[in-house]
Amino acid sequence: MKRILLRTLVGLLIIAALSYPVDWAVWKLRVSHGNGMGKVQVISVVAAEMKNNKEEYYLGDVNVVDCSYSLFPQAGSGACWWLQRHRQVVDRY
């Protein structure tokens, strides 16, 4: 039983260690073919603290943000699949 658990754990660690370099290599290949980056519209919202632990929200600008077609953020840009699902950015002041 311990041997199976140990092998499973080692296998998961190997997969975790190789996932980012493989994702980076695939993304670089996509960039070399011209389709590794995209754009997503993101809405910024400002949350201002009020008295009695309340917040007031102010709608900000709609910005077009660069994103990468990869599992992990690449080149300083977020992953497109993540930004498409999280289009609101809340800034708290």
PDB file of N, CA and C in Angstrom:
ATOM      1  N   MET A   1       0.825  -1.196   0.000  1.00  0.00           N
ATOM      2  CA  MET A   1       0.000   0.000   0.000  1.00  0.00           C
ATOM      3  C   MET A   1       0.868   1.258   0.000  1.00  0.00           C
ATOM      4  N   LYS A   2       1.918   1.243   0.828  1.00  0.00           N
ATOM      5  CA  LYS A   2       2.801   2.408   0.889  1.00  0.00           C
ATOM      6  C   LYS A   2       3.518   2.618  -0.434  1.00  0.00           C
ATOM      7  N   ARG A   3       3.857   1.535  -1.112  1.00  0.00           N
ATOM      8  CA  ARG A   3       4.562   1.637  -2.388  1.00  0.00           C
ATOM      9  C   ARG A   3       3.679   2.306  -3.449  1.00  0.00           C
ATOM     10  N   ILE A   4       2.419   1.958  -3.482  1.00  0.00           N
ATOM     11  CA  ILE A   4       1.491   2.563  -4.440  1.00  0.00           C
ATOM     12  C   ILE A   4       1.326   4.049  -4.144  1.00  0.00           C
ATOM     13  N   LEU A   5       1.183   4.379  -2.880  1.00  0.00           N
ATOM     14  CA  LEU A   5       1.038   5.780  -2.487  1.00  0.00           C
ATOM     15  C   LEU A   5       2.288   6.583  -2.833  1.00  0.00           C
ATOM     16  N   LEU A   6       3.460   5.998  -2.589  1.00  0.00           N
ATOM     17  CA  LEU A   6       4.717   6.672  -2.899  1.00  0.00           C
ATOM     18  C   LEU A   6       4.878   6.882  -4.400  1.00  0.00           C
ATOM     19  N   ARG A   7       4.559   5.871  -5.190  1.00  0.00           N
ATOM     20  CA  ARG A   7       4.661   6.005  -6.653  1.00  0.00           C
ATOM     21  C   ARG A   7       3.679   7.046  -7.191  1.00  0.00           C
ATOM     22  N   THR A   8       2.488   7.078  -6.632  1.00  0.00           N
ATOM     23  CA  THR A   8       1.504   8.076  -7.048  1.00  0.00           C
ATOM     24  C   THR A   8       1.988   9.477  -6.714  1.00  0.00           C
ATOM     25  N   LEU A   9       2.531   9.643  -5.522  1.00  0.00           N
ATOM     26  CA  LEU A   9       3.039  10.941  -5.105  1.00  0.00           C
ATOM     27  C   LEU A   9       4.209  11.389  -5.978  1.00  0.00           C
ATOM     28  N   VAL A  10       5.129  10.488  -6.269  1.00  0.00           N
ATOM     29  CA  VAL A  10       6.268  10.815  -7.142  1.00  0.00           C
ATOM     30  C   VAL A  10       5.775  11.171  -8.544  1.00  0.00           C
ATOM     31  N   GLY A  11       4.809  10.426  -9.036  1.00  0.00           N
ATOM     32  CA  GLY A  11       4.251  10.723 -10.359  1.00  0.00           C
ATOM     33  C   GLY A  11       3.605  12.098 -10.412  1.00  0.00           C
ATOM     34  N   LEU A  12       2.858  12.447  -9.387  1.00  0.00           N
ATOM     35  CA  LEU A  12       2.224  13.772  -9.337  1.00  0.00           C
ATOM     36  C   LEU A  12       3.261  14.886  -9.253  1.00  0.00           C
ATOM     37  N   LEU A  13       4.325  14.659  -8.505  1.00  0.00           N
ATOM     38  CA  LEU A  13       5.390  15.658  -8.416  1.00  0.00           C
ATOM     39  C   LEU A  13       6.097  15.851  -9.759  1.00  0.00           C
ATOM     40  N   ILE A  14       6.320  14.768 -10.481  1.00  0.00           N
ATOM     41  CA  ILE A  14       6.945  14.874 -11.807  1.00  0.00           C
ATOM     42  C   ILE A  14       6.042  15.632 -12.769  1.00  0.00           C
ATOM     43  N   ILE A  15       4.753  15.323 -12.735  1.00  0.00           N
ATOM     44  CA  ILE A  15       3.810  16.039 -13.608  1.00  0.00           C
ATOM     45  C   ILE A  15       3.768  17.527 -13.257  1.00  0.00           C
ATOM     46  N   ALA A  16       3.754  17.832 -11.978  1.00  0.00           N
ATOM     47  CA  ALA A  16       3.738  19.243 -11.550  1.00  0.00           C
ATOM     48  C   ALA A  16       5.015  19.955 -11.964  1.00  0.00           C
ATOM     49  N   ALA A  17       6.155  19.285 -11.865  1.00  0.00           N
ATOM     50  CA  ALA A  17       7.437  19.914 -12.210  1.00  0.00           C
ATOM     51  C   ALA A  17       7.580  20.124 -13.711  1.00  0.00           C
ATOM     52  N   LEU A  18       6.956  19.286 -14.524  1.00  0.00           N
ATOM     53  CA  LEU A  18       7.100  19.396 -15.980  1.00  0.00           C
ATOM     54  C   LEU A  18       6.000  20.223 -16.635  1.00  0.00           C
ATOM     55  N   SER A  19       4.919  20.515 -15.923  1.00  0.00           N
ATOM     56  CA  SER A  19       3.792  21.191 -16.561  1.00  0.00           C
ATOM     57  C   SER A  19       4.128  22.607 -17.022  1.00  0.00           C
ATOM     58  N   TYR A  20       4.834  23.393 -16.205  1.00  0.00           N
ATOM     59  CA  TYR A  20       5.153  24.761 -16.620  1.00  0.00           C
ATOM     60  C   TYR A  20       6.135  24.800 -17.783  1.00  0.00           C
ATOM     61  N   PRO A  21       7.258  24.050 -17.777  1.00  0.00           N
ATOM     62  CA  PRO A  21       8.164  24.101 -18.926  1.00  0.00           C
ATOM     63  C   PRO A  21       7.505  23.624 -20.227  1.00  0.00           C
ATOM     64  N   VAL A  22       6.661  22.618 -20.152  1.00  0.00           N
ATOM     65  CA  VAL A  22       5.965  22.140 -21.356  1.00  0.00           C
ATOM     66  C   VAL A  22       4.990  23.200 -21.844  1.00  0.00           C
ATOM     67  N   ASP A  23       4.258  23.827 -20.915  1.00  0.00           N
ATOM     68  CA  ASP A  23       3.331  24.896 -21.293  1.00  0.00           C
ATOM     69  C   ASP A  23       4.087  26.057 -21.938  1.00  0.00           C
ATOM     70  N   TRP A  24       5.253  26.411 -21.398  1.00  0.00           N
ATOM     71  CA  TRP A  24       6.055  27.497 -21.961  1.00  0.00           C
ATOM     72  C   TRP A  24       6.529  27.150 -23.369  1.00  0.00           C
ATOM     73  N   ALA A  25       6.971  25.910 -23.588  1.00  0.00           N
ATOM     74  CA  ALA A  25       7.447  25.501 -24.913  1.00  0.00           C
ATOM     75  C   ALA A  25       6.312  25.524 -25.940  1.00  0.00           C
ATOM     76  N   VAL A  26       5.142  25.061 -25.554  1.00  0.00           N
ATOM     77  CA  VAL A  26       3.994  25.084 -26.473  1.00  0.00           C
ATOM     78  C   VAL A  26       3.599  26.519 -26.771  1.00  0.00           C
ATOM     79  N   TRP A  27       3.619  27.376 -25.754  1.00  0.00           N
ATOM     80  CA  TRP A  27       3.266  28.785 -25.961  1.00  0.00           C
ATOM     81  C   TRP A  27       4.273  29.463 -26.891  1.00  0.00           C
ATOM     82  N   LYS A  28       5.586  29.181 -26.698  1.00  0.00           N
ATOM     83  CA  LYS A  28       6.601  29.763 -27.577  1.00  0.00           C
ATOM     84  C   LYS A  28       6.393  29.313 -29.016  1.00  0.00           C
ATOM     85  N   LEU A  29       6.020  28.057 -29.224  1.00  0.00           N
ATOM     86  CA  LEU A  29       5.736  27.554 -30.570  1.00  0.00           C
ATOM     87  C   LEU A  29       4.544  28.292 -31.167  1.00  0.00           C
ATOM     88  N   ARG A  30       3.506  28.532 -30.358  1.00  0.00           N
ATOM     89  CA  ARG A  30       2.350  29.287 -30.840  1.00  0.00           C
ATOM     90  C   ARG A  30       2.724  30.722 -31.190  1.00  0.00           C
ATOM     91  N   VAL A  31       3.556  31.355 -30.361  1.00  0.00           N
ATOM     92  CA  VAL A  31       3.985  32.728 -30.627  1.00  0.00           C
ATOM     93  C   VAL A  31       4.776  32.787 -31.923  1.00  0.00           C
ATOM     94  N   SER A  32       5.615  31.792 -32.183  1.00  0.00           N
ATOM     95  CA  SER A  32       6.402  31.801 -33.415  1.00  0.00           C
ATOM     96  C   SER A  32       5.515  31.663 -34.656  1.00  0.00           C
ATOM     97  N   HIS A  33       4.329  31.067 -34.483  1.00  0.00           N
ATOM     98  CA  HIS A  33       3.377  30.972 -35.596  1.00  0.00           C
ATOM     99  C   HIS A  33       2.381  32.118 -35.613  1.00  0.00           C
ATOM    100  N   GLY A  34       2.480  33.029 -34.639  1.00  0.00           N
ATOM    101  CA  GLY A  34       1.666  34.242 -34.653  1.00  0.00           C
ATOM    102  C   GLY A  34       0.341  34.165 -33.931  1.00  0.00           C
ATOM    103  N   ASN A  35       0.073  33.112 -33.182  1.00  0.00           N
ATOM    104  CA  ASN A  35      -1.220  33.045 -32.495  1.00  0.00           C
ATOM    105  C   ASN A  35      -1.078  32.672 -31.021  1.00  0.00           C
ATOM    106  N   GLY A  36      -0.044  33.137 -30.350  1.00  0.00           N
ATOM    107  CA  GLY A  36       0.167  32.830 -28.942  1.00  0.00           C
ATOM    108  C   GLY A  36      -0.404  33.864 -27.991  1.00  0.00           C
ATOM    109  N   MET A  37      -0.771  35.040 -28.516  1.00  0.00           N
ATOM    110  CA  MET A  37      -1.288  36.111 -27.669  1.00  0.00           C
ATOM    111  C   MET A  37      -2.689  36.501 -28.134  1.00  0.00           C
ATOM    112  N   GLY A  38      -3.478  37.012 -27.191  1.00  0.00           N
ATOM    113  CA  GLY A  38      -4.817  37.471 -27.501  1.00  0.00           C
ATOM    114  C   GLY A  38      -5.141  38.727 -26.712  1.00  0.00           C
ATOM    115  N   LYS A  39      -6.396  39.171 -26.795  1.00  0.00           N
ATOM    116  CA  LYS A  39      -6.840  40.355 -26.070  1.00  0.00           C
ATOM    117  C   LYS A  39      -8.201  40.063 -25.447  1.00  0.00           C
ATOM    118  N   VAL A  40      -8.391  40.598 -24.228  1.00  0.00           N
ATOM    119  CA  VAL A  40      -9.641  40.415 -23.493  1.00  0.00           C
ATOM    120  C   VAL A  40     -10.048  41.758 -22.908  1.00  0.00           C
ATOM    121  N   GLN A  41     -11.351  42.079 -22.966  1.00  0.00           N
ATOM    122  CA  GLN A  41     -11.845  43.296 -22.346  1.00  0.00           C
ATOM    123  C   GLN A  41     -12.065  43.048 -20.853  1.00  0.00           C
ATOM    124  N   VAL A  42     -11.506  43.929 -20.025  1.00  0.00           N
ATOM    125  CA  VAL A  42     -11.603  43.806 -18.575  1.00  0.00           C
ATOM    126  C   VAL A  42     -12.210  45.092 -18.025  1.00  0.00           C
ATOM    127  N   ILE A  43     -13.164  44.943 -17.099  1.00  0.00           N
ATOM    128  CA  ILE A  43     -13.820  46.082 -16.470  1.00  0.00           C
ATOM    129  C   ILE A  43     -13.181  46.302 -15.106  1.00  0.00           C
ATOM    130  N   SER A  44     -12.765  47.521 -14.845  1.00  0.00           N
ATOM    131  CA  SER A  44     -12.202  47.820 -13.525  1.00  0.00           C
ATOM    132  C   SER A  44     -13.292  48.435 -12.649  1.00  0.00           C
ATOM    133  N   VAL A  45     -13.334  47.990 -11.409  1.00  0.00           N
ATOM    134  CA  VAL A  45     -14.299  48.468 -10.428  1.00  0.00           C
ATOM    135  C   VAL A  45     -13.512  48.940  -9.216  1.00  0.00           C
ATOM    136  N   VAL A  46     -13.852  50.115  -8.686  1.00  0.00           N
ATOM    137  CA  VAL A  46     -13.184  50.656  -7.510  1.00  0.00           C
ATOM    138  C   VAL A  46     -14.113  50.468  -6.312  1.00  0.00           C
ATOM    139  N   ALA A  47     -13.598  49.834  -5.263  1.00  0.00           N
ATOM    140  CA  ALA A  47     -14.369  49.631  -4.038  1.00  0.00           C
ATOM    141  C   ALA A  47     -13.822  50.573  -2.962  1.00  0.00           C
ATOM    142  N   ALA A  48     -14.665  51.476  -2.508  1.00  0.00           N
ATOM    143  CA  ALA A  48     -14.260  52.436  -1.471  1.00  0.00           C
ATOM    144  C   ALA A  48     -14.882  52.016  -0.141  1.00  0.00           C
ATOM    145  N   GLU A  49     -14.061  52.000   0.892  1.00  0.00           N
ATOM    146  CA  GLU A  49     -14.557  51.623   2.219  1.00  0.00           C
ATOM    147  C   GLU A  49     -15.362  52.776   2.821  1.00  0.00           C
ATOM    148  N   MET A  50     -16.460  52.417   3.429  1.00  0.00           N
ATOM    149  CA  MET A  50     -17.321  53.379   4.083  1.00  0.00           C
ATOM    150  C   MET A  50     -17.358  53.054   5.579  1.00  0.00           C
ATOM    151  N   LYS A  51     -18.131  53.799   6.319  1.00  0.00           N
ATOM    152  CA  LYS A  51     -18.269  53.528   7.745  1.00  0.00           C
ATOM    153  C   LYS A  51     -19.048  52.222   7.964  1.00  0.00           C
ATOM    154  N   ASN A  52     -18.912  51.672   9.145  1.00  0.00           N
ATOM    155  CA  ASN A  52     -19.626  50.455   9.550  1.00  0.00           C
ATOM    156  C   ASN A  52     -19.307  49.259   8.651  1.00  0.00           C
ATOM    157  N   ASN A  53     -18.063  49.182   8.189  1.00  0.00           N
ATOM    158  CA  ASN A  53     -17.585  48.058   7.370  1.00  0.00           C
ATOM    159  C   ASN A  53     -18.392  47.847   6.095  1.00  0.00           C
ATOM    160  N   LYS A  54     -18.850  48.918   5.505  1.00  0.00           N
ATOM    161  CA  LYS A  54     -19.565  48.840   4.234  1.00  0.00           C
ATOM    162  C   LYS A  54     -18.647  49.299   3.118  1.00  0.00           C
ATOM    163  N   GLU A  55     -18.979  48.903   1.905  1.00  0.00           N
ATOM    164  CA  GLU A  55     -18.215  49.309   0.724  1.00  0.00           C
ATOM    165  C   GLU A  55     -19.145  49.898  -0.318  1.00  0.00           C
ATOM    166  N   GLU A  56     -18.617  50.854  -1.041  1.00  0.00           N
ATOM    167  CA  GLU A  56     -19.354  51.429  -2.157  1.00  0.00           C
ATOM    168  C   GLU A  56     -18.535  51.186  -3.416  1.00  0.00           C
ATOM    169  N   TYR A  57     -19.195  50.763  -4.476  1.00  0.00           N
ATOM    170  CA  TYR A  57     -18.508  50.380  -5.711  1.00  0.00           C
ATOM    171  C   TYR A  57     -18.733  51.433  -6.790  1.00  0.00           C
ATOM    172  N   TYR A  58     -17.647  51.754  -7.483  1.00  0.00           N
ATOM    173  CA  TYR A  58     -17.700  52.706  -8.592  1.00  0.00           C
ATOM    174  C   TYR A  58     -17.188  52.008  -9.841  1.00  0.00           C
ATOM    175  N   LEU A  59     -17.972  52.065 -10.889  1.00  0.00           N
ATOM    176  CA  LEU A  59     -17.583  51.440 -12.148  1.00  0.00           C
ATOM    177  C   LEU A  59     -16.464  52.241 -12.788  1.00  0.00           C
ATOM    178  N   GLY A  60     -15.403  51.565 -13.175  1.00  0.00           N
ATOM    179  CA  GLY A  60     -14.258  52.229 -13.780  1.00  0.00           C
ATOM    180  C   GLY A  60     -14.278  52.081 -15.289  1.00  0.00           C
ATOM    181  N   ASP A  61     -13.101  52.057 -15.864  1.00  0.00           N
ATOM    182  CA  ASP A  61     -12.960  51.983 -17.314  1.00  0.00           C
ATOM    183  C   ASP A  61     -13.015  50.537 -17.797  1.00  0.00           C
ATOM    184  N   VAL A  62     -13.315  50.402 -19.076  1.00  0.00           N
ATOM    185  CA  VAL A  62     -13.210  49.109 -19.752  1.00  0.00           C
ATOM    186  C   VAL A  62     -11.892  49.133 -20.512  1.00  0.00           C
ATOM    187  N   ASN A  63     -11.004  48.227 -20.172  1.00  0.00           N
ATOM    188  CA  ASN A  63      -9.682  48.175 -20.783  1.00  0.00           C
ATOM    189  C   ASN A  63      -9.521  46.894 -21.586  1.00  0.00           C
ATOM    190  N   VAL A  64      -8.759  46.971 -22.644  1.00  0.00           N
ATOM    191  CA  VAL A  64      -8.392  45.792 -23.412  1.00  0.00           C
ATOM    192  C   VAL A  64      -7.008  45.363 -22.937  1.00  0.00           C
ATOM    193  N   VAL A  65      -6.922  44.122 -22.441  1.00  0.00           N
ATOM    194  CA  VAL A  65      -5.709  43.612 -21.821  1.00  0.00           C
ATOM    195  C   VAL A  65      -5.142  42.485 -22.676  1.00  0.00           C
ATOM    196  N   ASP A  66      -3.811  42.460 -22.820  1.00  0.00           N
ATOM    197  CA  ASP A  66      -3.160  41.358 -23.523  1.00  0.00           C
ATOM    198  C   ASP A  66      -3.217  40.110 -22.658  1.00  0.00           C
ATOM    199  N   CYS A  67      -3.341  38.954 -23.318  1.00  0.00           N
ATOM    200  CA  CYS A  67      -3.341  37.687 -22.602  1.00  0.00           C
ATOM    201  C   CYS A  67      -2.619  36.641 -23.440  1.00  0.00           C
ATOM    202  N   SER A  68      -2.219  35.566 -22.800  1.00  0.00           N
ATOM    203  CA  SER A  68      -1.504  34.501 -23.500  1.00  0.00           C
ATOM    204  C   SER A  68      -2.374  33.255 -23.569  1.00  0.00           C
ATOM    205  N   TYR A  69      -2.341  32.579 -24.716  1.00  0.00           N
ATOM    206  CA  TYR A  69      -3.062  31.325 -24.884  1.00  0.00           C
ATOM    207  C   TYR A  69      -2.204  30.203 -24.316  1.00  0.00           C
ATOM    208  N   SER A  70      -2.289  30.038 -22.996  1.00  0.00           N
ATOM    209  CA  SER A  70      -1.504  29.025 -22.302  1.00  0.00           C
ATOM    210  C   SER A  70      -2.192  28.697 -20.977  1.00  0.00           C
ATOM    211  N   LEU A  71      -1.708  27.674 -20.307  1.00  0.00           N
ATOM    212  CA  LEU A  71      -2.279  27.314 -19.012  1.00  0.00           C
ATOM    213  C   LEU A  71      -1.865  28.280 -17.917  1.00  0.00           C
ATOM    214  N   PHE A  72      -0.606  28.727 -17.974  1.00  0.00           N
ATOM    215  CA  PHE A  72      -0.044  29.628 -16.971  1.00  0.00           C
ATOM    216  C   PHE A  72       0.192  31.000 -17.590  1.00  0.00           C
ATOM    217  N   PRO A  73       0.234  32.080 -16.805  1.00  0.00           N
ATOM    218  CA  PRO A  73       0.562  33.402 -17.345  1.00  0.00           C
ATOM    219  C   PRO A  73       1.958  33.389 -17.969  1.00  0.00           C
ATOM    220  N   GLN A  74       2.077  33.992 -19.153  1.00  0.00           N
ATOM    221  CA  GLN A  74       3.356  34.051 -19.867  1.00  0.00           C
ATOM    222  C   GLN A  74       3.588  35.485 -20.319  1.00  0.00           C
ATOM    223  N   ALA A  75       4.837  35.889 -20.397  1.00  0.00           N
ATOM    224  CA  ALA A  75       5.259  37.200 -20.917  1.00  0.00           C
ATOM    225  C   ALA A  75       4.609  38.356 -20.156  1.00  0.00           C
ATOM    226  N   GLY A  76       4.362  38.190 -18.877  1.00  0.00           N
ATOM    227  CA  GLY A  76       3.776  39.261 -18.085  1.00  0.00           C
ATOM    228  C   GLY A  76       2.293  39.474 -18.313  1.00  0.00           C
ATOM    229  N   SER A  77       1.665  38.594 -19.069  1.00  0.00           N
ATOM    230  CA  SER A  77       0.235  38.688 -19.342  1.00  0.00           C
ATOM    231  C   SER A  77      -0.468  37.495 -18.727  1.00  0.00           C
ATOM    232  N   GLY A  78      -1.691  37.697 -18.302  1.00  0.00           N
ATOM    233  CA  GLY A  78      -2.462  36.597 -17.731  1.00  0.00           C
ATOM    234  C   GLY A  78      -2.877  35.605 -18.794  1.00  0.00           C
ATOM    235  N   ALA A  79      -3.271  34.438 -18.372  1.00  0.00           N
ATOM    236  CA  ALA A  79      -3.764  33.422 -19.290  1.00  0.00           C
ATOM    237  C   ALA A  79      -5.158  33.819 -19.772  1.00  0.00           C
ATOM    238  N   CYS A  80      -5.405  33.654 -21.077  1.00  0.00           N
ATOM    239  CA  CYS A  80      -6.691  34.087 -21.650  1.00  0.00           C
ATOM    240  C   CYS A  80      -7.870  33.351 -21.023  1.00  0.00           C
ATOM    241  N   TRP A  81      -7.725  32.055 -20.762  1.00  0.00           N
ATOM    242  CA  TRP A  81      -8.836  31.299 -20.188  1.00  0.00           C
ATOM    243  C   TRP A  81      -9.220  31.847 -18.816  1.00  0.00           C
ATOM    244  N   TRP A  82      -8.252  32.350 -18.061  1.00  0.00           N
ATOM    245  CA  TRP A  82      -8.534  32.911 -16.738  1.00  0.00           C
ATOM    246  C   TRP A  82      -9.189  34.284 -16.869  1.00  0.00           C
ATOM    247  N   LEU A  83      -8.638  35.141 -17.731  1.00  0.00           N
ATOM    248  CA  LEU A  83      -9.171  36.503 -17.869  1.00  0.00           C
ATOM    249  C   LEU A  83     -10.568  36.506 -18.475  1.00  0.00           C
ATOM    250  N   GLN A  84     -10.887  35.553 -19.345  1.00  0.00           N
ATOM    251  CA  GLN A  84     -12.223  35.506 -19.923  1.00  0.00           C
ATOM    252  C   GLN A  84     -13.271  35.138 -18.882  1.00  0.00           C
ATOM    253  N   ARG A  85     -12.868  34.431 -17.851  1.00  0.00           N
ATOM    254  CA  ARG A  85     -13.799  34.049 -16.794  1.00  0.00           C
ATOM    255  C   ARG A  85     -13.823  35.043 -15.633  1.00  0.00           C
ATOM    256  N   HIS A  86     -12.817  35.895 -15.558  1.00  0.00           N
ATOM    257  CA  HIS A  86     -12.719  36.887 -14.478  1.00  0.00           C
ATOM    258  C   HIS A  86     -12.500  38.272 -15.088  1.00  0.00           C
ATOM    259  N   ARG A  87     -13.542  38.810 -15.685  1.00  0.00           N
ATOM    260  CA  ARG A  87     -13.421  40.071 -16.420  1.00  0.00           C
ATOM    261  C   ARG A  87     -13.478  41.305 -15.533  1.00  0.00           C
ATOM    262  N   GLN A  88     -13.895  41.169 -14.299  1.00  0.00           N
ATOM    263  CA  GLN A  88     -13.952  42.321 -13.403  1.00  0.00           C
ATOM    264  C   GLN A  88     -12.714  42.334 -12.503  1.00  0.00           C
ATOM    265  N   VAL A  89     -12.056  43.486 -12.464  1.00  0.00           N
ATOM    266  CA  VAL A  89     -10.911  43.684 -11.591  1.00  0.00           C
ATOM    267  C   VAL A  89     -11.327  44.709 -10.544  1.00  0.00           C
ATOM    268  N   VAL A  90     -11.295  44.307  -9.272  1.00  0.00           N
ATOM    269  CA  VAL A  90     -11.730  45.177  -8.181  1.00  0.00           C
ATOM    270  C   VAL A  90     -10.491  45.771  -7.504  1.00  0.00           C
ATOM    271  N   ASP A  91     -10.414  47.100  -7.493  1.00  0.00           N
ATOM    272  CA  ASP A  91      -9.361  47.808  -6.775  1.00  0.00           C
ATOM    273  C   ASP A  91      -9.975  48.346  -5.485  1.00  0.00           C
ATOM    274  N   ARG A  92      -9.370  48.000  -4.364  1.00  0.00           N
ATOM    275  CA  ARG A  92      -9.879  48.445  -3.073  1.00  0.00           C
ATOM    276  C   ARG A  92      -9.026  49.582  -2.533  1.00  0.00           C
ATOM    277  N   TYR A  93      -9.689  50.657  -2.119  1.00  0.00           N
ATOM    278  CA  TYR A  93      -9.002  51.808  -1.546  1.00  0.00           C
ATOM    279  C   TYR A  93      -9.522  52.090  -0.168  1.00  0.00           C
TER     280      TYR A  93
END
